[in-house]
C-alpha atoms as a PDB file:
ATOM      1  CA  MET A   1      11.407   4.094 124.830  1.00  0.00           C
ATOM      2  CA  LEU A   2       8.316   3.461 122.459  1.00  0.00           C
ATOM      3  CA  ARG A   3       7.888   7.104 121.645  1.00  0.00           C
ATOM      4  CA  LYS A   4      11.514   7.096 120.496  1.00  0.00           C
ATOM      5  CA  TYR A   5      10.766   3.842 118.210  1.00  0.00           C
ATOM      6  CA  SER A   6       7.974   5.364 117.040  1.00  0.00           C
ATOM      7  CA  ARG A   7       9.875   8.444 115.650  1.00  0.00           C
ATOM      8  CA  ILE A   8      12.641   6.024 114.381  1.00  0.00           C
ATOM      9  CA  ILE A   9       9.865   3.983 112.449  1.00  0.00           C
ATOM     10  CA  MET A  10       8.139   7.314 111.153  1.00  0.00           C
ATOM     11  CA  LEU A  11      11.469   8.780 109.813  1.00  0.00           C
ATOM     12  CA  LEU A  12      12.050   5.338 108.185  1.00  0.00           C
ATOM     13  CA  LEU A  13       8.672   5.572 106.563  1.00  0.00           C
ATOM     14  CA  VAL A  14       8.966   9.045 105.683  1.00  0.00           C
ATOM     15  CA  ALA A  15      12.597   8.194 103.954  1.00  0.00           C
ATOM     16  CA  ALA A  16      10.970   5.055 102.289  1.00  0.00           C
ATOM     17  CA  GLY A  17       8.428   7.133 100.744  1.00  0.00           C
ATOM     18  CA  GLY A  18      10.311  10.047  99.542  1.00  0.00           C
ATOM     19  CA  GLY A  19      12.527   7.409  97.857  1.00  0.00           C
ATOM     20  CA  ALA A  20       9.611   5.523  96.085  1.00  0.00           C
ATOM     21  CA  LEU A  21       8.710   8.903  94.676  1.00  0.00           C
ATOM     22  CA  TRP A  22      12.065   9.756  93.278  1.00  0.00           C
ATOM     23  CA  PHE A  23      12.132   6.536  91.770  1.00  0.00           C
ATOM     24  CA  CYS A  24       8.508   6.629  90.033  1.00  0.00           C
ATOM     25  CA  LEU A  25       8.024  10.569  89.805  1.00  0.00           C
ATOM     26  CA  PRO A  26       7.305  10.678  85.966  1.00  0.00           C
ATOM     27  CA  ARG A  27      10.010  13.229  84.403  1.00  0.00           C
ATOM     28  CA  HIS A  28      10.236  14.179  80.683  1.00  0.00           C
ATOM     29  CA  ALA A  29      13.355  12.787  79.424  1.00  0.00           C
ATOM     30  CA  ASP A  30      15.508  14.298  76.847  1.00  0.00           C
ATOM     31  CA  LEU A  31      16.345  12.467  73.825  1.00  0.00           C
ATOM     32  CA  ARG A  32      18.841  15.231  72.602  1.00  0.00           C
ATOM     33  CA  GLY A  33      20.807  15.686  75.729  1.00  0.00           C
ATOM     34  CA  PHE A  34      23.136  12.753  75.723  1.00  0.00           C
ATOM     35  CA  ASP A  35      26.874  13.066  75.560  1.00  0.00           C
ATOM     36  CA  PRO A  36      28.560  11.599  72.542  1.00  0.00           C
ATOM     37  CA  ALA A  37      31.419  10.240  74.459  1.00  0.00           C
ATOM     38  CA  ALA A  38      29.461   8.974  77.068  1.00  0.00           C
ATOM     39  CA  MET A  39      26.965   7.363  74.533  1.00  0.00           C
ATOM     40  CA  ALA A  40      30.332   5.609  72.596  1.00  0.00           C
ATOM     41  CA  ARG A  41      31.885   4.524  75.728  1.00  0.00           C
ATOM     42  CA  ILE A  42      28.099   2.909  77.033  1.00  0.00           C
ATOM     43  CA  GLU A  43      27.509   1.382  73.451  1.00  0.00           C
ATOM     44  CA  THR A  44      30.798   0.088  73.194  1.00  0.00           C
ATOM     45  CA  LEU A  45      30.245  -1.964  76.530  1.00  0.00           C
ATOM     46  CA  SER A  46      26.764  -3.228  75.723  1.00  0.00           C
ATOM     47  CA  TRP A  47      28.534  -4.479  72.257  1.00  0.00           C
ATOM     48  CA  ARG A  48      30.749  -6.496  74.460  1.00  0.00           C
ATOM     49  CA  HIS A  49      27.969  -7.736  77.179  1.00  0.00           C
ATOM     50  CA  TYR A  50      25.629  -8.580  74.669  1.00  0.00           C
ATOM     51  CA  TYR A  51      28.089 -11.004  72.398  1.00  0.00           C
ATOM     52  CA  GLU A  52      29.583 -12.067  75.966  1.00  0.00           C
ATOM     53  CA  LYS A  53      25.562 -13.276  76.635  1.00  0.00           C
ATOM     54  CA  ARG A  54      26.298 -11.322  79.738  1.00  0.00           C
ATOM     55  CA  TRP A  55      22.178 -10.025  80.102  1.00  0.00           C
ATOM     56  CA  ALA A  56      22.559  -8.545  83.399  1.00  0.00           C
ATOM     57  CA  ALA A  57      25.610  -6.130  82.628  1.00  0.00           C
ATOM     58  CA  LEU A  58      23.902  -5.323  79.035  1.00  0.00           C
ATOM     59  CA  ALA A  59      20.919  -4.439  81.270  1.00  0.00           C
ATOM     60  CA  LEU A  60      22.748  -2.231  83.524  1.00  0.00           C
ATOM     61  CA  ASP A  61      24.627  -0.463  80.193  1.00  0.00           C
ATOM     62  CA  LEU A  62      20.893   0.239  78.834  1.00  0.00           C
ATOM     63  CA  TYR A  63      19.833   1.614  82.207  1.00  0.00           C
ATOM     64  CA  ALA A  64      23.120   3.937  82.315  1.00  0.00           C
ATOM     65  CA  ALA A  65      22.108   5.163  78.849  1.00  0.00           C
ATOM     66  CA  ALA A  66      18.164   6.043  79.697  1.00  0.00           C
ATOM     67  CA  ARG A  67      19.048   7.307  82.860  1.00  0.00           C
ATOM     68  CA  ASP A  68      22.279   9.598  82.828  1.00  0.00           C
ATOM     69  CA  GLN A  69      22.024  10.428  78.978  1.00  0.00           C
ATOM     70  CA  TYR A  70      18.324  10.785  78.276  1.00  0.00           C
ATOM     71  CA  ALA A  71      17.205  11.674  82.037  1.00  0.00           C
ATOM     72  CA  PHE A  72      14.282   9.222  81.838  1.00  0.00           C
ATOM     73  CA  SER A  73      12.994   8.414  85.657  1.00  0.00           C
ATOM     74  CA  PRO A  74      14.875   5.606  87.510  1.00  0.00           C
ATOM     75  CA  CYS A  75      11.292   3.731  87.042  1.00  0.00           C
ATOM     76  CA  ALA A  76      11.286   4.039  83.308  1.00  0.00           C
ATOM     77  CA  SER A  77      15.290   3.409  82.738  1.00  0.00           C
ATOM     78  CA  CYS A  78      14.704  -0.143  84.604  1.00  0.00           C
ATOM     79  CA  ARG A  79      11.778  -0.725  82.045  1.00  0.00           C
ATOM     80  CA  LEU A  80      13.624   0.578  79.024  1.00  0.00           C
ATOM     81  CA  ALA A  81      16.847  -1.812  80.101  1.00  0.00           C
ATOM     82  CA  ILE A  82      14.519  -4.738  80.788  1.00  0.00           C
ATOM     83  CA  HIS A  83      12.602  -4.364  77.527  1.00  0.00           C
ATOM     84  CA  ALA A  84      15.562  -3.665  75.446  1.00  0.00           C
ATOM     85  CA  ALA A  85      17.707  -6.632  76.838  1.00  0.00           C
ATOM     86  CA  ARG A  86      14.944  -8.953  76.567  1.00  0.00           C
ATOM     87  CA  ALA A  87      14.363  -8.379  73.247  1.00  0.00           C
ATOM     88  CA  ALA A  88      18.196  -8.829  72.502  1.00  0.00           C
ATOM     89  CA  ALA A  89      18.666 -12.119  74.229  1.00  0.00           C
ATOM     90  CA  VAL A  90      15.179 -13.617  72.436  1.00  0.00           C
ATOM     91  CA  PHE A  91      16.725 -11.998  68.556  1.00  0.00           C
ATOM     92  CA  GLN A  92      19.716 -13.460  69.714  1.00  0.00           C
ATOM     93  CA  ARG A  93      18.656 -17.102  70.214  1.00  0.00           C
ATOM     94  CA  SER A  94      16.154 -17.088  67.203  1.00  0.00           C
ATOM     95  CA  ARG A  95      17.217 -18.818  63.730  1.00  0.00           C
ATOM     96  CA  ASP A  96      15.132 -16.855  61.325  1.00  0.00           C
ATOM     97  CA  ARG A  97      12.843 -13.892  60.744  1.00  0.00           C
ATOM     98  CA  ALA A  98      10.183 -15.860  62.191  1.00  0.00           C
ATOM     99  CA  GLU A  99      11.353 -16.757  65.485  1.00  0.00           C
ATOM    100  CA  ALA A 100      12.728 -13.082  65.211  1.00  0.00           C
ATOM    101  CA  GLU A 101       9.634 -11.728  65.410  1.00  0.00           C
ATOM    102  CA  GLU A 102       9.031 -12.642  68.758  1.00  0.00           C
ATOM    103  CA  ALA A 103      11.104  -9.805  69.861  1.00  0.00           C
ATOM    104  CA  VAL A 104       8.403  -7.475  68.446  1.00  0.00           C
ATOM    105  CA  PRO A 105       6.525  -7.078  71.439  1.00  0.00           C
ATOM    106  CA  MET A 106       9.054  -6.192  73.985  1.00  0.00           C
ATOM    107  CA  LEU A 107      10.302  -3.663  71.173  1.00  0.00           C
ATOM    108  CA  GLU A 108       7.136  -2.056  71.046  1.00  0.00           C
ATOM    109  CA  ASP A 109       7.288  -1.998  74.936  1.00  0.00           C
ATOM    110  CA  TYR A 110      10.671  -0.164  74.875  1.00  0.00           C
ATOM    111  CA  PHE A 111       9.370   2.218  72.382  1.00  0.00           C
ATOM    112  CA  THR A 112       6.136   3.161  74.009  1.00  0.00           C
ATOM    113  CA  THR A 113       8.113   3.834  77.168  1.00  0.00           C
ATOM    114  CA  ILE A 114      10.230   5.926  75.537  1.00  0.00           C
ATOM    115  CA  ARG A 115       7.419   7.992  73.644  1.00  0.00           C
ATOM    116  CA  SER A 116       5.467   8.284  76.711  1.00  0.00           C
ATOM    117  CA  GLU A 117       8.166   9.334  78.993  1.00  0.00           C
ATOM    118  CA  SER A 118       9.885  12.012  76.495  1.00  0.00           C
ATOM    119  CA  ARG A 119       8.569  14.822  74.736  1.00  0.00           C
ATOM    120  CA  GLU A 120       9.184  13.002  71.109  1.00  0.00           C
ATOM    121  CA  ASP A 121       6.042  11.687  69.005  1.00  0.00           C
ATOM    122  CA  PHE A 122       6.559   8.409  66.798  1.00  0.00           C
ATOM    123  CA  ASP A 123       4.733   5.644  65.410  1.00  0.00           C
ATOM    124  CA  VAL A 124       5.916   2.922  67.831  1.00  0.00           C
ATOM    125  CA  THR A 125       5.024  -0.257  65.855  1.00  0.00           C
ATOM    126  CA  VAL A 126       7.081   1.471  62.759  1.00  0.00           C
ATOM    127  CA  ALA A 127      10.034   1.748  65.097  1.00  0.00           C
ATOM    128  CA  ALA A 128       9.973  -1.735  66.707  1.00  0.00           C
ATOM    129  CA  GLN A 129       9.834  -3.301  62.923  1.00  0.00           C
ATOM    130  CA  LEU A 130      12.647  -0.944  61.752  1.00  0.00           C
ATOM    131  CA  GLU A 131      14.773  -1.432  64.676  1.00  0.00           C
ATOM    132  CA  LEU A 132      14.210  -5.634  64.123  1.00  0.00           C
ATOM    133  CA  GLU A 133      14.435  -5.088  60.269  1.00  0.00           C
ATOM    134  CA  TRP A 134      18.202  -3.749  60.916  1.00  0.00           C
ATOM    135  CA  TRP A 135      18.821  -6.120  63.097  1.00  0.00           C
ATOM    136  CA  GLN A 136      18.236  -8.949  61.094  1.00  0.00           C
ATOM    137  CA  GLN A 137      19.769  -7.310  57.926  1.00  0.00           C
ATOM    138  CA  ARG A 138      23.345  -7.242  59.934  1.00  0.00           C
ATOM    139  CA  ARG A 139      22.846 -11.102  60.827  1.00  0.00           C
ATOM    140  CA  GLU A 140      21.963 -11.747  57.377  1.00  0.00           C
ATOM    141  CA  LYS A 141      25.287 -10.358  56.788  1.00  0.00           C
ATOM    142  CA  LYS A 142      23.895  -7.666  54.168  1.00  0.00           C
ATOM    143  CA  ALA A 143      26.569  -5.018  53.224  1.00  0.00           C
ATOM    144  CA  TRP A 144      26.892  -2.491  56.263  1.00  0.00           C
ATOM    145  CA  PRO A 145      25.670   0.582  54.436  1.00  0.00           C
ATOM    146  CA  GLU A 146      22.597  -1.478  53.631  1.00  0.00           C
ATOM    147  CA  TYR A 147      21.730  -1.751  57.064  1.00  0.00           C
ATOM    148  CA  GLY A 148      23.122   1.787  57.915  1.00  0.00           C
ATOM    149  CA  HIS A 149      19.930   3.069  55.852  1.00  0.00           C
ATOM    150  CA  THR A 150      17.844   1.297  57.903  1.00  0.00           C
ATOM    151  CA  VAL A 151      19.511   2.483  61.053  1.00  0.00           C
ATOM    152  CA  ALA A 152      18.942   5.875  59.747  1.00  0.00           C
ATOM    153  CA  ALA A 153      15.175   5.505  58.618  1.00  0.00           C
ATOM    154  CA  ALA A 154      14.773   3.758  62.459  1.00  0.00           C
ATOM    155  CA  THR A 155      16.493   6.762  64.421  1.00  0.00           C
ATOM    156  CA  ALA A 156      14.967   9.245  61.931  1.00  0.00           C
ATOM    157  CA  LEU A 157      11.284   8.349  62.957  1.00  0.00           C
ATOM    158  CA  VAL A 158      11.914   8.936  66.877  1.00  0.00           C
ATOM    159  CA  TYR A 159      13.102  12.377  66.168  1.00  0.00           C
ATOM    160  CA  SER A 160      10.474  13.212  63.368  1.00  0.00           C
ATOM    161  CA  LEU A 161      13.677  14.188  61.039  1.00  0.00           C
ATOM    162  CA  ALA A 162      14.349  13.015  57.354  1.00  0.00           C
ATOM    163  CA  PRO A 163      16.567   9.895  57.313  1.00  0.00           C
ATOM    164  CA  SER A 164      18.880  11.912  55.125  1.00  0.00           C
ATOM    165  CA  ALA A 165      19.577  14.009  58.366  1.00  0.00           C
ATOM    166  CA  LEU A 166      20.792  10.718  60.211  1.00  0.00           C
ATOM    167  CA  GLU A 167      22.667   9.268  57.461  1.00  0.00           C
ATOM    168  CA  SER A 168      26.064  10.064  58.172  1.00  0.00           C
ATOM    169  CA  ALA A 169      25.895   9.365  61.809  1.00  0.00           C
ATOM    170  CA  ALA A 170      24.103   5.866  60.680  1.00  0.00           C
ATOM    171  CA  LEU A 171      26.766   5.155  58.189  1.00  0.00           C
ATOM    172  CA  LYS A 172      29.403   5.264  60.688  1.00  0.00           C
ATOM    173  CA  ARG A 173      27.520   3.642  63.501  1.00  0.00           C
ATOM    174  CA  ALA A 174      26.868   0.879  60.925  1.00  0.00           C
ATOM    175  CA  GLU A 175      30.528   0.733  59.769  1.00  0.00           C
ATOM    176  CA  MET A 176      31.685   0.082  63.407  1.00  0.00           C
ATOM    177  CA  MET A 177      29.266  -2.942  63.559  1.00  0.00           C
ATOM    178  CA  ASP A 178      30.740  -4.288  60.823  1.00  0.00           C
ATOM    179  CA  THR A 179      34.173  -3.746  62.091  1.00  0.00           C
ATOM    180  CA  ARG A 180      32.855  -5.916  64.893  1.00  0.00           C
ATOM    181  CA  ASP A 181      31.549  -8.685  62.946  1.00  0.00           C
ATOM    182  CA  ARG A 182      34.597  -8.910  60.834  1.00  0.00           C
ATOM    183  CA  LYS A 183      36.799  -9.437  63.911  1.00  0.00           C
ATOM    184  CA  GLY A 184      34.560 -11.940  65.557  1.00  0.00           C
ATOM    185  CA  LYS A 185      36.496 -13.890  68.004  1.00  0.00           C
ATOM    186  CA  ALA A 186      39.678 -12.554  67.164  1.00  0.00           C
ATOM    187  CA  ILE A 187      38.832  -8.914  68.423  1.00  0.00           C
ATOM    188  CA  THR A 188      41.374  -7.521  70.493  1.00  0.00           C
ATOM    189  CA  GLU A 189      41.448  -4.380  72.737  1.00  0.00           C
ATOM    190  CA  GLU A 190      42.934  -2.061  70.410  1.00  0.00           C
ATOM    191  CA  ASP A 191      39.834  -2.878  68.102  1.00  0.00           C
ATOM    192  CA  TRP A 192      37.352  -2.055  70.693  1.00  0.00           C
ATOM    193  CA  ARG A 193      39.218   1.204  71.312  1.00  0.00           C
ATOM    194  CA  GLY A 194      39.201   1.832  67.535  1.00  0.00           C
ATOM    195  CA  ILE A 195      35.314   0.960  67.471  1.00  0.00           C
ATOM    196  CA  GLU A 196      34.638   3.680  70.184  1.00  0.00           C
ATOM    197  CA  ALA A 197      36.444   6.033  68.568  1.00  0.00           C
ATOM    198  CA  GLY A 198      34.024   5.520  65.843  1.00  0.00           C
ATOM    199  CA  LEU A 199      30.797   5.711  67.699  1.00  0.00           C
ATOM    200  CA  ARG A 200      31.730   8.789  69.190  1.00  0.00           C
ATOM    201  CA  GLU A 201      32.157  10.092  65.815  1.00  0.00           C
ATOM    202  CA  SER A 202      28.778   8.687  65.096  1.00  0.00           C
ATOM    203  CA  TRP A 203      27.075  10.131  67.935  1.00  0.00           C
ATOM    204  CA  SER A 204      28.927  13.233  67.538  1.00  0.00           C
ATOM    205  CA  LEU A 205      27.297  13.279  64.159  1.00  0.00           C
ATOM    206  CA  CYS A 206      23.662  12.340  65.848  1.00  0.00           C
ATOM    207  CA  LYS A 207      23.876  15.004  68.158  1.00  0.00           C
ATOM    208  CA  ALA A 208      24.585  17.932  65.686  1.00  0.00           C
ATOM    209  CA  ALA A 209      21.611  16.273  63.696  1.00  0.00           C
ATOM    210  CA  VAL A 210      18.804  16.362  66.509  1.00  0.00           C
ATOM    211  CA  ALA A 211      19.733  19.355  68.127  1.00  0.00           C
ATOM    212  CA  ARG A 212      16.969  22.133  68.138  1.00  0.00           C
END
């Protein structure tokens, strides 16, 4: 009987070790391998969860994007989801630019994970500042083409491209953000379907621009 239980315990330890290895084993993520339709669906859900303040659901959306669309390891995907969700929560409750700066360390952790786990090489500090800048411009009700330019610059930095290469994709994405903001609490399911369609176009343009 003791020998039987020893074998069971050994099998459980091997399974646990294999699971831990699968979870934590470093992988090279592919930031260019995403499916535009899937990204549009995930981003639409993430916007809904953000405005509903459903932070756990938002983190799951972000995990799905990192793991399923960019092929980050489960461990890295968890870190990315947590860093991004925390930054979003801090930003949402901030009241001015000074308070919004509290999200910068989380954004830097987010972009540090992206850089270390992928093949892309970029300045983490600049990436975090550009990301926060378009968040702030949007909240300050700048015209959507204005913060769309900042979205283009933020995305282009990560991919080591000129902002002009991603301008069309970023402007379409910003237009969908503006649609959501104008609708506000009166937004309907039909509106959300239209936003997802627009985001699908944006991610398709992005995919074409970043493809090697």
